[in-house]
Each structure stands twice: as structure tokens, then as C-alpha cells.
């Protein structure tokens, strides 16, 4: 009986561990393009987490437009106080144009 109880306990423990979500689950990354003036010559791209965490942006280029490839809602913050939100696959204007310093995204 004791062996049966131990075997049952170990089986249930193994089942729980197997069913638990992985803490290393791959997180979707939002693809953002930051465009200056002119957009074809002055731009950069970032892949950013979509878990709601705040990420820092270290590029000093003054940005006029922000584009997203889709799949997330992102809010970006400028050095002079702008707050720009891009939802899904879209391009939005930054007004007035300014360096972006941080942002946060959530997967849709």
C-alpha cells in the first residue's frame, strides 16, 4: 500500500510539473520603425517586448513618424513630453517631432 501511495504521488507530481506553463515561454516581439526626416534616409527599427514592460530607447534621432508591423499596441514617450500610441499595423505622426526615450507594448 505504501508503494502504491508513493507511486501515485510521484505520478501526480510529474503530471503537474508537465502541465505547468514554462517560465521560458517565447514572448512575441513588436516590430517598430522610427522615421525622421526624410524617412527613407533617417530611420531605425526596434524589436521590443509585448509584455507591458517599459523599454528604453537610446537613439537620439528626432522622430516624425512611428510604424508598427502589427500584433501589438505600443505607447512611446518623447524627450519633450510627447506620448504616441500605435495600435496594430499602423503609422502615426509624432507631434512635435522629437527623440523617443522609452515605450511599452502589449500584444493584441
PDB file of N, CA and C in Angstrom:
ATOM      1  N   UNK A   1       0.828  -1.194   0.000  1.00  0.00           N
ATOM      2  CA  UNK A   1       0.000   0.000   0.000  1.00  0.00           C
ATOM      3  C   UNK A   1       0.873   1.259   0.000  1.00  0.00           C
ATOM      4  N   UNK A   2       1.956   1.201   0.791  1.00  0.00           N
ATOM      5  CA  UNK A   2       2.846   2.357   0.865  1.00  0.00           C
ATOM      6  C   UNK A   2       3.480   2.640  -0.496  1.00  0.00           C
ATOM      7  N   UNK A   3       3.891   1.584  -1.200  1.00  0.00           N
ATOM      8  CA  UNK A   3       4.492   1.747  -2.529  1.00  0.00           C
ATOM      9  C   UNK A   3       3.475   2.345  -3.504  1.00  0.00           C
ATOM     10  N   UNK A   4       2.235   1.910  -3.399  1.00  0.00           N
ATOM     11  CA  UNK A   4       1.187   2.439  -4.270  1.00  0.00           C
ATOM     12  C   UNK A   4       0.967   3.927  -4.014  1.00  0.00           C
ATOM     13  N   UNK A   5       0.943   4.340  -2.759  1.00  0.00           N
ATOM     14  CA  UNK A   5       0.747   5.744  -2.381  1.00  0.00           C
ATOM     15  C   UNK A   5       1.890   6.602  -2.898  1.00  0.00           C
ATOM     16  N   UNK A   6       3.110   6.121  -2.731  1.00  0.00           N
ATOM     17  CA  UNK A   6       4.283   6.869  -3.206  1.00  0.00           C
ATOM     18  C   UNK A   6       4.262   6.954  -4.729  1.00  0.00           C
ATOM     19  N   UNK A   7       3.948   5.866  -5.401  1.00  0.00           N
ATOM     20  CA  UNK A   7       3.879   5.859  -6.869  1.00  0.00           C
ATOM     21  C   UNK A   7       2.818   6.827  -7.371  1.00  0.00           C
ATOM     22  N   UNK A   8       1.670   6.818  -6.733  1.00  0.00           N
ATOM     23  CA  UNK A   8       0.584   7.725  -7.118  1.00  0.00           C
ATOM     24  C   UNK A   8       1.000   9.182  -6.918  1.00  0.00           C
ATOM     25  N   UNK A   9       1.638   9.470  -5.781  1.00  0.00           N
ATOM     26  CA  UNK A   9       2.105  10.824  -5.504  1.00  0.00           C
ATOM     27  C   UNK A   9       3.111  11.283  -6.564  1.00  0.00           C
ATOM     28  N   UNK A  10       4.075  10.439  -6.889  1.00  0.00           N
ATOM     29  CA  UNK A  10       5.084  10.792  -7.882  1.00  0.00           C
ATOM     30  C   UNK A  10       4.460  10.994  -9.266  1.00  0.00           C
ATOM     31  N   UNK A  11       3.480  10.158  -9.611  1.00  0.00           N
ATOM     32  CA  UNK A  11       2.792  10.310 -10.884  1.00  0.00           C
ATOM     33  C   UNK A  11       2.052  11.653 -10.945  1.00  0.00           C
ATOM     34  N   UNK A  12       1.335  11.987  -9.878  1.00  0.00           N
ATOM     35  CA  UNK A  12       0.602  13.255  -9.853  1.00  0.00           C
ATOM     36  C   UNK A  12       1.550  14.451  -9.879  1.00  0.00           C
ATOM     37  N   UNK A  13       2.668  14.362  -9.187  1.00  0.00           N
ATOM     38  CA  UNK A  13       3.660  15.428  -9.200  1.00  0.00           C
ATOM     39  C   UNK A  13       4.226  15.613 -10.598  1.00  0.00           C
ATOM     40  N   UNK A  14       4.563  14.541 -11.265  1.00  0.00           N
ATOM     41  CA  UNK A  14       5.100  14.617 -12.625  1.00  0.00           C
ATOM     42  C   UNK A  14       4.064  15.208 -13.580  1.00  0.00           C
ATOM     43  N   UNK A  15       2.806  14.845 -13.407  1.00  0.00           N
ATOM     44  CA  UNK A  15       1.742  15.389 -14.248  1.00  0.00           C
ATOM     45  C   UNK A  15       1.613  16.890 -14.060  1.00  0.00           C
ATOM     46  N   UNK A  16       1.656  17.353 -12.819  1.00  0.00           N
ATOM     47  CA  UNK A  16       1.562  18.791 -12.527  1.00  0.00           C
ATOM     48  C   UNK A  16       2.741  19.560 -13.123  1.00  0.00           C
ATOM     49  N   UNK A  17       3.932  19.018 -12.972  1.00  0.00           N
ATOM     50  CA  UNK A  17       5.112  19.695 -13.499  1.00  0.00           C
ATOM     51  C   UNK A  17       5.071  19.775 -15.013  1.00  0.00           C
ATOM     52  N   UNK A  18       4.565  18.713 -15.635  1.00  0.00           N
ATOM     53  CA  UNK A  18       4.474  18.698 -17.096  1.00  0.00           C
ATOM     54  C   UNK A  18       3.420  19.693 -17.591  1.00  0.00           C
ATOM     55  N   UNK A  19       2.339  19.865 -16.858  1.00  0.00           N
ATOM     56  CA  UNK A  19       1.248  20.739 -17.275  1.00  0.00           C
ATOM     57  C   UNK A  19       1.498  22.207 -16.947  1.00  0.00           C
ATOM     58  N   UNK A  20       2.461  22.492 -16.080  1.00  0.00           N
ATOM     59  CA  UNK A  20       2.719  23.882 -15.685  1.00  0.00           C
ATOM     60  C   UNK A  20       3.285  24.663 -16.855  1.00  0.00           C
ATOM     61  N   UNK A  21       2.853  25.920 -17.035  1.00  0.00           N
ATOM     62  CA  UNK A  21       3.398  26.715 -18.124  1.00  0.00           C
ATOM     63  C   UNK A  21       4.882  26.989 -17.912  1.00  0.00           C
ATOM     64  N   UNK A  22       5.586  27.034 -19.007  1.00  0.00           N
ATOM     65  CA  UNK A  22       7.023  27.277 -18.934  1.00  0.00           C
ATOM     66  C   UNK A  22       7.297  28.738 -18.614  1.00  0.00           C
ATOM     67  N   UNK A  23       8.230  28.973 -17.703  1.00  0.00           N
ATOM     68  CA  UNK A  23       8.614  30.347 -17.399  1.00  0.00           C
ATOM     69  C   UNK A  23       9.493  30.921 -18.505  1.00  0.00           C
ATOM     70  N   UNK A  24       9.933  30.054 -19.414  1.00  0.00           N
ATOM     71  CA  UNK A  24      10.763  30.490 -20.537  1.00  0.00           C
ATOM     72  C   UNK A  24       9.952  30.593 -21.823  1.00  0.00           C
ATOM     73  N   UNK A  25       8.644  30.772 -21.706  1.00  0.00           N
ATOM     74  CA  UNK A  25       7.803  30.866 -22.897  1.00  0.00           C
ATOM     75  C   UNK A  25       8.284  32.008 -23.790  1.00  0.00           C
ATOM     76  N   UNK A  26       8.299  31.747 -25.079  1.00  0.00           N
ATOM     77  CA  UNK A  26       8.771  32.751 -26.029  1.00  0.00           C
ATOM     78  C   UNK A  26       7.755  33.883 -26.105  1.00  0.00           C
ATOM     79  N   UNK A  27       8.210  35.095 -25.925  1.00  0.00           N
ATOM     80  CA  UNK A  27       7.357  36.273 -25.939  1.00  0.00           C
ATOM     81  C   UNK A  27       7.367  36.891 -27.330  1.00  0.00           C
ATOM     82  N   UNK A  28       6.198  37.263 -27.827  1.00  0.00           N
ATOM     83  CA  UNK A  28       6.072  37.946 -29.104  1.00  0.00           C
ATOM     84  C   UNK A  28       6.800  39.285 -29.034  1.00  0.00           C
ATOM     85  N   UNK A  29       7.528  39.647 -30.071  1.00  0.00           N
ATOM     86  CA  UNK A  29       8.245  40.918 -30.144  1.00  0.00           C
ATOM     87  C   UNK A  29       7.556  41.815 -31.175  1.00  0.00           C
ATOM     88  N   UNK A  30       7.235  43.047 -30.797  1.00  0.00           N
ATOM     89  CA  UNK A  30       6.660  44.019 -31.725  1.00  0.00           C
ATOM     90  C   UNK A  30       7.789  44.610 -32.571  1.00  0.00           C
ATOM     91  N   UNK A  31       7.510  44.816 -33.853  1.00  0.00           N
ATOM     92  CA  UNK A  31       8.479  45.390 -34.778  1.00  0.00           C
ATOM     93  C   UNK A  31       8.086  46.843 -35.031  1.00  0.00           C
ATOM     94  N   UNK A  32       8.909  47.777 -34.560  1.00  0.00           N
ATOM     95  CA  UNK A  32       8.623  49.202 -34.693  1.00  0.00           C
ATOM     96  C   UNK A  32       9.654  49.867 -35.582  1.00  0.00           C
ATOM     97  N   UNK A  33       9.193  50.809 -36.408  1.00  0.00           N
ATOM     98  CA  UNK A  33      10.083  51.621 -37.245  1.00  0.00           C
ATOM     99  C   UNK A  33       9.894  53.076 -36.854  1.00  0.00           C
ATOM    100  N   UNK A  34      10.996  53.740 -36.552  1.00  0.00           N
ATOM    101  CA  UNK A  34      11.009  55.147 -36.151  1.00  0.00           C
ATOM    102  C   UNK A  34      11.589  55.938 -37.316  1.00  0.00           C
ATOM    103  N   UNK A  35      10.805  56.885 -37.846  1.00  0.00           N
ATOM    104  CA  UNK A  35      11.203  57.627 -39.039  1.00  0.00           C
ATOM    105  C   UNK A  35      11.439  59.096 -38.729  1.00  0.00           C
ATOM    106  N   UNK A  36      12.577  59.595 -39.192  1.00  0.00           N
ATOM    107  CA  UNK A  36      12.893  61.015 -39.091  1.00  0.00           C
ATOM    108  C   UNK A  36      12.553  61.707 -40.393  1.00  0.00           C
ATOM    109  N   UNK A  37      13.295  62.749 -40.728  1.00  0.00           N
ATOM    110  CA  UNK A  37      13.061  63.467 -41.986  1.00  0.00           C
ATOM    111  C   UNK A  37      14.374  63.531 -42.753  1.00  0.00           C
ATOM    112  N   UNK A  38      14.420  63.106 -43.981  1.00  0.00           N
ATOM    113  CA  UNK A  38      13.391  62.356 -44.713  1.00  0.00           C
ATOM    114  C   UNK A  38      13.343  60.899 -44.261  1.00  0.00           C
ATOM    115  N   UNK A  39      12.155  60.275 -44.272  1.00  0.00           N
ATOM    116  CA  UNK A  39      12.000  58.923 -43.730  1.00  0.00           C
ATOM    117  C   UNK A  39      12.889  57.868 -44.395  1.00  0.00           C
ATOM    118  N   UNK A  40      13.134  58.004 -45.702  1.00  0.00           N
ATOM    119  CA  UNK A  40      13.936  56.996 -46.404  1.00  0.00           C
ATOM    120  C   UNK A  40      15.401  57.020 -45.961  1.00  0.00           C
ATOM    121  N   UNK A  41      15.880  58.157 -45.494  1.00  0.00           N
ATOM    122  CA  UNK A  41      17.290  58.286 -45.126  1.00  0.00           C
ATOM    123  C   UNK A  41      17.519  58.262 -43.619  1.00  0.00           C
ATOM    124  N   UNK A  42      16.520  58.644 -42.853  1.00  0.00           N
ATOM    125  CA  UNK A  42      16.691  58.763 -41.401  1.00  0.00           C
ATOM    126  C   UNK A  42      15.640  57.918 -40.691  1.00  0.00           C
ATOM    127  N   UNK A  43      16.028  56.686 -40.356  1.00  0.00           N
ATOM    128  CA  UNK A  43      15.093  55.809 -39.645  1.00  0.00           C
ATOM    129  C   UNK A  43      15.887  54.753 -38.885  1.00  0.00           C
ATOM    130  N   UNK A  44      15.212  54.105 -37.940  1.00  0.00           N
ATOM    131  CA  UNK A  44      15.764  52.926 -37.285  1.00  0.00           C
ATOM    132  C   UNK A  44      14.622  52.010 -36.897  1.00  0.00           C
ATOM    133  N   UNK A  45      14.949  50.746 -36.677  1.00  0.00           N
ATOM    134  CA  UNK A  45      13.949  49.740 -36.333  1.00  0.00           C
ATOM    135  C   UNK A  45      14.310  49.083 -35.008  1.00  0.00           C
ATOM    136  N   UNK A  46      13.281  48.732 -34.249  1.00  0.00           N
ATOM    137  CA  UNK A  46      13.470  48.032 -32.980  1.00  0.00           C
ATOM    138  C   UNK A  46      12.497  46.865 -32.875  1.00  0.00           C
ATOM    139  N   UNK A  47      12.949  45.778 -32.274  1.00  0.00           N
ATOM    140  CA  UNK A  47      12.085  44.677 -31.855  1.00  0.00           C
ATOM    141  C   UNK A  47      11.969  44.808 -30.343  1.00  0.00           C
ATOM    142  N   UNK A  48      10.738  44.941 -29.856  1.00  0.00           N
ATOM    143  CA  UNK A  48      10.537  45.229 -28.435  1.00  0.00           C
ATOM    144  C   UNK A  48       9.566  44.232 -27.812  1.00  0.00           C
ATOM    145  N   UNK A  49       9.680  43.994 -26.504  1.00  0.00           N
ATOM    146  CA  UNK A  49       8.784  43.047 -25.831  1.00  0.00           C
ATOM    147  C   UNK A  49       7.340  43.557 -25.804  1.00  0.00           C
ATOM    148  N   UNK A  50       6.407  42.615 -25.742  1.00  0.00           N
ATOM    149  CA  UNK A  50       4.984  42.978 -25.704  1.00  0.00           C
ATOM    150  C   UNK A  50       4.340  42.519 -24.400  1.00  0.00           C
ATOM    151  N   UNK A  51       5.095  42.576 -23.336  1.00  0.00           N
ATOM    152  CA  UNK A  51       4.605  42.130 -22.035  1.00  0.00           C
ATOM    153  C   UNK A  51       4.238  43.283 -21.105  1.00  0.00           C
ATOM    154  N   UNK A  52       4.216  44.504 -21.635  1.00  0.00           N
ATOM    155  CA  UNK A  52       3.860  45.661 -20.823  1.00  0.00           C
ATOM    156  C   UNK A  52       5.024  46.302 -20.104  1.00  0.00           C
ATOM    157  N   UNK A  53       6.204  45.695 -20.190  1.00  0.00           N
ATOM    158  CA  UNK A  53       7.373  46.273 -19.529  1.00  0.00           C
ATOM    159  C   UNK A  53       7.836  47.527 -20.273  1.00  0.00           C
ATOM    160  N   UNK A  54       8.466  48.429 -19.552  1.00  0.00           N
ATOM    161  CA  UNK A  54       8.982  49.661 -20.154  1.00  0.00           C
ATOM    162  C   UNK A  54      10.376  49.385 -20.698  1.00  0.00           C
ATOM    163  N   UNK A  55      10.605  49.757 -21.962  1.00  0.00           N
ATOM    164  CA  UNK A  55      11.926  49.607 -22.561  1.00  0.00           C
ATOM    165  C   UNK A  55      12.490  50.992 -22.858  1.00  0.00           C
ATOM    166  N   UNK A  56      13.796  51.114 -22.785  1.00  0.00           N
ATOM    167  CA  UNK A  56      14.493  52.376 -23.051  1.00  0.00           C
ATOM    168  C   UNK A  56      14.900  52.435 -24.518  1.00  0.00           C
ATOM    169  N   UNK A  57      14.923  53.636 -25.073  1.00  0.00           N
ATOM    170  CA  UNK A  57      15.373  53.863 -26.451  1.00  0.00           C
ATOM    171  C   UNK A  57      16.563  54.809 -26.381  1.00  0.00           C
ATOM    172  N   UNK A  58      17.681  54.398 -26.972  1.00  0.00           N
ATOM    173  CA  UNK A  58      18.905  55.190 -26.852  1.00  0.00           C
ATOM    174  C   UNK A  58      19.282  55.945 -28.126  1.00  0.00           C
ATOM    175  N   UNK A  59      18.489  55.827 -29.181  1.00  0.00           N
ATOM    176  CA  UNK A  59      18.792  56.529 -30.435  1.00  0.00           C
ATOM    177  C   UNK A  59      18.331  57.987 -30.321  1.00  0.00           C
ATOM    178  N   UNK A  60      19.199  58.951 -30.672  1.00  0.00           N
ATOM    179  CA  UNK A  60      18.883  60.371 -30.495  1.00  0.00           C
ATOM    180  C   UNK A  60      18.226  61.020 -31.716  1.00  0.00           C
ATOM    181  N   UNK A  61      17.952  60.243 -32.768  1.00  0.00           N
ATOM    182  CA  UNK A  61      17.315  60.791 -33.971  1.00  0.00           C
ATOM    183  C   UNK A  61      15.952  61.405 -33.617  1.00  0.00           C
ATOM    184  N   UNK A  62      15.678  62.600 -34.116  1.00  0.00           N
ATOM    185  CA  UNK A  62      14.378  63.241 -33.922  1.00  0.00           C
ATOM    186  C   UNK A  62      13.360  62.527 -34.816  1.00  0.00           C
ATOM    187  N   UNK A  63      12.278  62.039 -34.228  1.00  0.00           N
ATOM    188  CA  UNK A  63      11.311  61.181 -34.917  1.00  0.00           C
ATOM    189  C   UNK A  63      10.043  61.940 -35.277  1.00  0.00           C
ATOM    190  N   UNK A  64       9.600  61.742 -36.548  1.00  0.00           N
ATOM    191  CA  UNK A  64       8.368  62.352 -37.044  1.00  0.00           C
ATOM    192  C   UNK A  64       7.207  61.355 -37.142  1.00  0.00           C
ATOM    193  N   UNK A  65       7.540  60.063 -37.388  1.00  0.00           N
ATOM    194  CA  UNK A  65       6.518  59.023 -37.575  1.00  0.00           C
ATOM    195  C   UNK A  65       6.993  57.725 -36.913  1.00  0.00           C
ATOM    196  N   UNK A  66       6.034  56.973 -36.365  1.00  0.00           N
ATOM    197  CA  UNK A  66       6.323  55.650 -35.812  1.00  0.00           C
ATOM    198  C   UNK A  66       5.371  54.657 -36.465  1.00  0.00           C
ATOM    199  N   UNK A  67       5.939  53.543 -36.989  1.00  0.00           N
ATOM    200  CA  UNK A  67       5.150  52.494 -37.634  1.00  0.00           C
ATOM    201  C   UNK A  67       5.297  51.199 -36.864  1.00  0.00           C
ATOM    202  N   UNK A  68       4.229  50.406 -36.890  1.00  0.00           N
ATOM    203  CA  UNK A  68       4.250  49.081 -36.279  1.00  0.00           C
ATOM    204  C   UNK A  68       3.849  48.065 -37.336  1.00  0.00           C
ATOM    205  N   UNK A  69       4.489  46.890 -37.297  1.00  0.00           N
ATOM    206  CA  UNK A  69       4.143  45.812 -38.226  1.00  0.00           C
ATOM    207  C   UNK A  69       2.845  45.120 -37.812  1.00  0.00           C
ATOM    208  N   UNK A  70       2.337  45.406 -36.618  1.00  0.00           N
ATOM    209  CA  UNK A  70       1.067  44.841 -36.161  1.00  0.00           C
ATOM    210  C   UNK A  70       1.228  43.854 -35.031  1.00  0.00           C
ATOM    211  N   UNK A  71       0.104  43.473 -34.448  1.00  0.00           N
ATOM    212  CA  UNK A  71       0.082  42.479 -33.390  1.00  0.00           C
ATOM    213  C   UNK A  71       0.226  43.036 -31.983  1.00  0.00           C
ATOM    214  N   UNK A  72       0.379  44.356 -31.866  1.00  0.00           N
ATOM    215  CA  UNK A  72       0.579  44.947 -30.536  1.00  0.00           C
ATOM    216  C   UNK A  72       0.039  46.369 -30.504  1.00  0.00           C
ATOM    217  N   UNK A  73      -0.170  46.846 -29.296  1.00  0.00           N
ATOM    218  CA  UNK A  73      -0.482  48.245 -29.038  1.00  0.00           C
ATOM    219  C   UNK A  73       0.705  48.806 -28.271  1.00  0.00           C
ATOM    220  N   UNK A  74       1.336  49.854 -28.822  1.00  0.00           N
ATOM    221  CA  UNK A  74       2.552  50.403 -28.217  1.00  0.00           C
ATOM    222  C   UNK A  74       2.382  51.890 -27.949  1.00  0.00           C
ATOM    223  N   UNK A  75       2.859  52.334 -26.807  1.00  0.00           N
ATOM    224  CA  UNK A  75       2.898  53.753 -26.476  1.00  0.00           C
ATOM    225  C   UNK A  75       4.357  54.136 -26.291  1.00  0.00           C
ATOM    226  N   UNK A  76       4.788  55.196 -27.006  1.00  0.00           N
ATOM    227  CA  UNK A  76       6.163  55.668 -26.972  1.00  0.00           C
ATOM    228  C   UNK A  76       6.189  57.056 -26.372  1.00  0.00           C
ATOM    229  N   UNK A  77       7.263  57.357 -25.643  1.00  0.00           N
ATOM    230  CA  UNK A  77       7.390  58.618 -24.943  1.00  0.00           C
ATOM    231  C   UNK A  77       8.588  59.392 -25.460  1.00  0.00           C
ATOM    232  N   UNK A  78       8.361  60.683 -25.774  1.00  0.00           N
ATOM    233  CA  UNK A  78       9.413  61.531 -26.306  1.00  0.00           C
ATOM    234  C   UNK A  78      10.129  62.323 -25.236  1.00  0.00           C
ATOM    235  N   UNK A  79      11.305  62.820 -25.604  1.00  0.00           N
ATOM    236  CA  UNK A  79      12.156  63.558 -24.676  1.00  0.00           C
ATOM    237  C   UNK A  79      11.519  64.878 -24.234  1.00  0.00           C
ATOM    238  N   UNK A  80      10.645  65.440 -25.080  1.00  0.00           N
ATOM    239  CA  UNK A  80       9.981  66.702 -24.754  1.00  0.00           C
ATOM    240  C   UNK A  80       8.543  66.510 -24.289  1.00  0.00           C
ATOM    241  N   UNK A  81       8.192  65.258 -23.930  1.00  0.00           N
ATOM    242  CA  UNK A  81       6.870  65.014 -23.354  1.00  0.00           C
ATOM    243  C   UNK A  81       5.825  64.431 -24.281  1.00  0.00           C
ATOM    244  N   UNK A  82       6.160  64.134 -25.532  1.00  0.00           N
ATOM    245  CA  UNK A  82       5.150  63.549 -26.421  1.00  0.00           C
ATOM    246  C   UNK A  82       4.791  62.145 -25.947  1.00  0.00           C
ATOM    247  N   UNK A  83       3.562  61.755 -26.231  1.00  0.00           N
ATOM    248  CA  UNK A  83       3.067  60.410 -25.958  1.00  0.00           C
ATOM    249  C   UNK A  83       2.360  59.944 -27.212  1.00  0.00           C
ATOM    250  N   UNK A  84       2.923  58.939 -27.888  1.00  0.00           N
ATOM    251  CA  UNK A  84       2.414  58.481 -29.176  1.00  0.00           C
ATOM    252  C   UNK A  84       2.013  57.021 -29.065  1.00  0.00           C
ATOM    253  N   UNK A  85       0.769  56.699 -29.442  1.00  0.00           N
ATOM    254  CA  UNK A  85       0.283  55.324 -29.375  1.00  0.00           C
ATOM    255  C   UNK A  85       0.033  54.796 -30.775  1.00  0.00           C
ATOM    256  N   UNK A  86       0.572  53.593 -31.037  1.00  0.00           N
ATOM    257  CA  UNK A  86       0.391  52.898 -32.312  1.00  0.00           C
ATOM    258  C   UNK A  86      -0.339  51.599 -32.015  1.00  0.00           C
ATOM    259  N   UNK A  87      -1.487  51.385 -32.651  1.00  0.00           N
ATOM    260  CA  UNK A  87      -2.271  50.174 -32.433  1.00  0.00           C
ATOM    261  C   UNK A  87      -2.295  49.356 -33.721  1.00  0.00           C
ATOM    262  N   UNK A  88      -1.846  48.111 -33.630  1.00  0.00           N
ATOM    263  CA  UNK A  88      -1.845  47.230 -34.794  1.00  0.00           C
ATOM    264  C   UNK A  88      -0.878  47.702 -35.862  1.00  0.00           C
ATOM    265  N   UNK A  89      -1.125  47.255 -37.095  1.00  0.00           N
ATOM    266  CA  UNK A  89      -0.291  47.635 -38.240  1.00  0.00           C
ATOM    267  C   UNK A  89      -0.702  49.031 -38.675  1.00  0.00           C
ATOM    268  N   UNK A  90       0.062  50.016 -38.261  1.00  0.00           N
ATOM    269  CA  UNK A  90      -0.332  51.405 -38.477  1.00  0.00           C
ATOM    270  C   UNK A  90       0.900  52.301 -38.433  1.00  0.00           C
ATOM    271  N   UNK A  91       0.760  53.514 -38.964  1.00  0.00           N
ATOM    272  CA  UNK A  91       1.782  54.553 -38.867  1.00  0.00           C
ATOM    273  C   UNK A  91       1.133  55.783 -38.269  1.00  0.00           C
ATOM    274  N   UNK A  92       1.772  56.371 -37.275  1.00  0.00           N
ATOM    275  CA  UNK A  92       1.240  57.572 -36.627  1.00  0.00           C
ATOM    276  C   UNK A  92       2.292  58.676 -36.617  1.00  0.00           C
ATOM    277  N   UNK A  93       1.818  59.904 -36.586  1.00  0.00           N
ATOM    278  CA  UNK A  93       2.699  61.060 -36.511  1.00  0.00           C
ATOM    279  C   UNK A  93       3.100  61.325 -35.062  1.00  0.00           C
ATOM    280  N   UNK A  94       4.332  61.791 -34.885  1.00  0.00           N
ATOM    281  CA  UNK A  94       4.807  62.246 -33.582  1.00  0.00           C
ATOM    282  C   UNK A  94       4.765  63.761 -33.632  1.00  0.00           C
ATOM    283  N   UNK A  95       4.064  64.375 -32.693  1.00  0.00           N
ATOM    284  CA  UNK A  95       3.961  65.824 -32.751  1.00  0.00           C
ATOM    285  C   UNK A  95       4.220  66.483 -31.422  1.00  0.00           C
ATOM    286  N   UNK A  96       5.102  67.433 -31.410  1.00  0.00           N
ATOM    287  CA  UNK A  96       6.043  67.774 -32.483  1.00  0.00           C
ATOM    288  C   UNK A  96       7.149  66.716 -32.567  1.00  0.00           C
ATOM    289  N   UNK A  97       7.841  66.612 -33.727  1.00  0.00           N
ATOM    290  CA  UNK A  97       8.924  65.630 -33.864  1.00  0.00           C
ATOM    291  C   UNK A  97       9.942  65.775 -32.726  1.00  0.00           C
ATOM    292  N   UNK A  98      10.380  64.618 -32.198  1.00  0.00           N
ATOM    293  CA  UNK A  98      11.343  64.624 -31.098  1.00  0.00           C
ATOM    294  C   UNK A  98      11.953  63.242 -30.901  1.00  0.00           C
ATOM    295  N   UNK A  99      13.071  63.215 -30.193  1.00  0.00           N
ATOM    296  CA  UNK A  99      13.739  61.964 -29.826  1.00  0.00           C
ATOM    297  C   UNK A  99      12.827  61.156 -28.919  1.00  0.00           C
ATOM    298  N   UNK A 100      12.725  59.870 -29.191  1.00  0.00           N
ATOM    299  CA  UNK A 100      11.936  58.969 -28.349  1.00  0.00           C
ATOM    300  C   UNK A 100      12.857  58.347 -27.301  1.00  0.00           C
ATOM    301  N   UNK A 101      12.386  58.287 -26.054  1.00  0.00           N
ATOM    302  CA  UNK A 101      13.268  57.835 -24.964  1.00  0.00           C
ATOM    303  C   UNK A 101      12.826  56.520 -24.321  1.00  0.00           C
ATOM    304  N   UNK A 102      11.539  56.175 -24.434  1.00  0.00           N
ATOM    305  CA  UNK A 102      11.073  54.928 -23.828  1.00  0.00           C
ATOM    306  C   UNK A 102       9.727  54.544 -24.433  1.00  0.00           C
ATOM    307  N   UNK A 103       9.285  53.351 -24.094  1.00  0.00           N
ATOM    308  CA  UNK A 103       7.994  52.889 -24.586  1.00  0.00           C
ATOM    309  C   UNK A 103       7.558  51.630 -23.860  1.00  0.00           C
ATOM    310  N   UNK A 104       6.357  51.189 -24.203  1.00  0.00           N
ATOM    311  CA  UNK A 104       5.784  49.979 -23.625  1.00  0.00           C
ATOM    312  C   UNK A 104       4.782  49.419 -24.618  1.00  0.00           C
ATOM    313  N   UNK A 105       4.771  48.099 -24.785  1.00  0.00           N
ATOM    314  CA  UNK A 105       3.857  47.444 -25.742  1.00  0.00           C
ATOM    315  C   UNK A 105       3.140  46.277 -25.091  1.00  0.00           C
ATOM    316  N   UNK A 106       1.918  46.037 -25.545  1.00  0.00           N
ATOM    317  CA  UNK A 106       1.130  44.867 -25.154  1.00  0.00           C
ATOM    318  C   UNK A 106       0.651  44.159 -26.408  1.00  0.00           C
ATOM    319  N   UNK A 107       0.793  42.837 -26.432  1.00  0.00           N
ATOM    320  CA  UNK A 107       0.296  42.051 -27.552  1.00  0.00           C
ATOM    321  C   UNK A 107      -1.223  42.164 -27.622  1.00  0.00           C
ATOM    322  N   UNK A 108      -1.750  42.216 -28.837  1.00  0.00           N
ATOM    323  CA  UNK A 108      -3.203  42.304 -29.030  1.00  0.00           C
ATOM    324  C   UNK A 108      -3.825  40.932 -28.948  1.00  0.00           C
TER     325      UNK A 108
END
